[in-house]
Amino acid sequence: QVQLVESGGGLVQPGGSLRLSCAASGSILSINVMGWYRQAPGKQRELVTAITGSGSTNYAESVKGRFTISRDNAKNTVYLQMNSLKPEDTAVYYCNVDGAVVRGIVGRRDYWGKGTLVTVSS
């Protein structure tokens, strides 16, 4: 089985910064894309940013220039550096693994973390 463990959420004032981490554990042979999604109260889950194994990235327009995703392939870990946070960034942030090859499992699978709450408020 594969588990994703997120950390780094919390309460921060507008303009502040937070760094989220997500470590994937289990018999993982490779991962295609790692990413972060978020879901604000009353809204649908949305893609924030994602990164491929080769380092290609994409970002939602709302976070471009403020958030940075990075990845440590050796540790199967993805990070999200969030700067200049705004109240509208308040949400539960979920880590996603897309296209993981896992020992003993045929084909590629997707996995989700349980989420970490980020609250931006004064």
Protein backbone atom coordinates (compact mmCIF):
# COMPACT_ATOMS: atom_id res chain seq x y z
CA GLN A 1 0.00 0.00 0.00
CA VAL A 2 1.00 3.60 -0.53
CA GLN A 3 0.51 6.27 2.10
CA LEU A 4 0.83 10.02 1.67
CA VAL A 5 1.56 12.04 4.77
CA GLU A 6 1.20 15.82 4.57
CA SER A 7 2.59 18.30 7.04
CA GLY A 8 3.14 22.02 7.41
CA GLY A 9 -0.34 23.45 7.49
CA GLY A 10 -1.51 25.94 10.07
CA LEU A 11 -2.64 29.48 10.76
CA VAL A 12 -0.77 32.36 9.15
CA GLN A 13 -1.43 36.06 8.75
CA PRO A 14 -2.04 37.59 5.33
CA GLY A 15 1.26 38.16 3.58
CA GLY A 16 2.91 35.34 5.48
CA SER A 17 4.47 32.10 4.30
CA LEU A 18 4.03 28.39 4.87
CA ARG A 19 5.78 25.32 3.52
CA LEU A 20 3.86 22.10 3.01
CA SER A 21 5.47 18.70 2.66
CA CYS A 22 4.09 15.39 1.45
CA ALA A 23 6.00 12.15 1.75
CA ALA A 24 4.84 9.07 -0.14
CA SER A 25 5.74 5.77 1.48
CA GLY A 26 5.31 2.16 0.43
CA SER A 27 6.74 -0.09 -2.26
CA ILE A 28 6.88 2.68 -4.82
CA LEU A 29 8.93 2.06 -7.93
CA SER A 30 8.19 5.32 -9.71
CA ILE A 31 5.81 8.27 -9.69
CA ASN A 32 4.70 10.22 -12.73
CA VAL A 33 3.24 13.43 -11.35
CA MET A 34 3.03 14.79 -7.81
CA GLY A 35 0.76 17.68 -7.05
CA TRP A 36 -1.24 19.75 -4.62
CA TYR A 37 -4.96 20.37 -4.71
CA ARG A 38 -7.06 22.45 -2.37
CA GLN A 39 -10.66 22.64 -1.31
CA ALA A 40 -12.11 25.71 0.32
CA PRO A 41 -15.36 25.57 2.31
CA GLY A 42 -18.31 25.29 -0.04
CA LYS A 43 -16.13 24.95 -3.12
CA GLN A 44 -14.92 22.13 -5.32
CA ARG A 45 -11.45 20.72 -5.06
CA GLU A 46 -9.10 22.45 -7.46
CA LEU A 47 -5.59 21.88 -8.75
CA VAL A 48 -3.06 24.25 -7.25
CA THR A 49 0.13 22.98 -8.83
CA ALA A 50 1.83 19.83 -10.09
CA ILE A 51 5.31 18.65 -11.00
CA THR A 52 6.53 15.80 -13.18
CA GLY A 53 9.48 13.54 -12.45
CA SER A 54 11.63 15.61 -14.79
CA GLY A 55 10.70 18.84 -13.05
CA SER A 56 8.10 20.35 -15.36
CA THR A 57 5.56 22.36 -13.43
CA ASN A 58 2.20 24.00 -13.85
CA TYR A 59 0.35 26.38 -11.57
CA ALA A 60 -3.14 27.71 -11.16
CA GLU A 61 -3.33 31.34 -12.25
CA SER A 62 -4.34 32.39 -8.75
CA VAL A 63 -1.05 31.20 -7.22
CA LYS A 64 1.47 31.98 -9.97
CA GLY A 65 4.37 34.00 -8.65
CA ARG A 66 3.50 33.23 -5.04
CA PHE A 67 3.67 29.43 -4.73
CA THR A 68 6.53 27.16 -5.70
CA ILE A 69 6.39 23.38 -5.99
CA SER A 70 9.46 21.19 -5.75
CA ARG A 71 10.15 17.50 -5.55
CA ASP A 72 12.74 15.11 -4.18
CA ASN A 73 12.46 11.99 -6.32
CA ALA A 74 14.82 9.98 -4.13
CA LYS A 75 12.55 10.57 -1.13
CA ASN A 76 9.22 10.49 -3.04
CA THR A 77 8.47 13.80 -1.41
CA VAL A 78 6.86 16.93 -2.78
CA TYR A 79 6.96 20.39 -1.26
CA LEU A 80 4.84 23.49 -1.64
CA GLN A 81 6.34 26.83 -0.66
CA MET A 82 3.55 29.35 -0.25
CA ASN A 83 4.44 33.04 0.00
CA SER A 84 2.37 36.21 0.12
CA LEU A 85 -0.57 34.23 1.38
CA LYS A 86 -4.04 35.70 1.06
CA PRO A 87 -7.26 34.94 2.94
CA GLU A 88 -8.62 33.32 -0.25
CA ASP A 89 -5.83 30.73 -0.02
CA THR A 90 -7.58 29.31 3.05
CA ALA A 91 -8.42 25.68 2.31
CA VAL A 92 -7.60 22.09 3.02
CA TYR A 93 -4.59 21.22 0.88
CA TYR A 94 -4.33 17.68 -0.46
CA CYS A 95 -1.29 15.94 -1.83
CA ASN A 96 -1.81 13.82 -4.93
CA VAL A 97 0.31 11.17 -6.59
CA ASP A 98 -0.62 10.48 -10.20
CA GLY A 99 0.61 7.41 -12.03
CA ALA A 100 2.52 5.56 -9.34
CA VAL A 101 4.03 2.18 -10.13
CA VAL A 102 3.89 0.08 -6.98
CA ARG A 103 5.55 -3.28 -6.45
CA GLY A 104 2.96 -6.05 -6.59
CA ILE A 105 0.27 -3.90 -8.22
CA VAL A 106 -0.47 -4.03 -11.93
CA GLY A 107 -0.69 -0.74 -13.75
CA ARG A 108 -0.36 2.82 -12.50
CA ARG A 109 -2.40 4.11 -9.58
CA ASP A 110 -3.37 7.46 -8.10
CA TYR A 111 -3.25 8.24 -4.39
CA TRP A 112 -4.41 11.06 -2.14
CA GLY A 113 -3.30 12.36 1.21
CA LYS A 114 -5.78 13.12 3.99
CA GLY A 115 -5.20 16.85 3.70
CA THR A 116 -3.74 19.61 5.81
CA LEU A 117 -5.59 22.78 6.74
CA VAL A 118 -4.15 26.16 5.81
CA THR A 119 -5.87 29.17 7.34
CA VAL A 120 -4.88 32.69 6.33
CA SER A 121 -6.36 35.20 8.71
CA SER A 122 -5.43 38.18 10.83
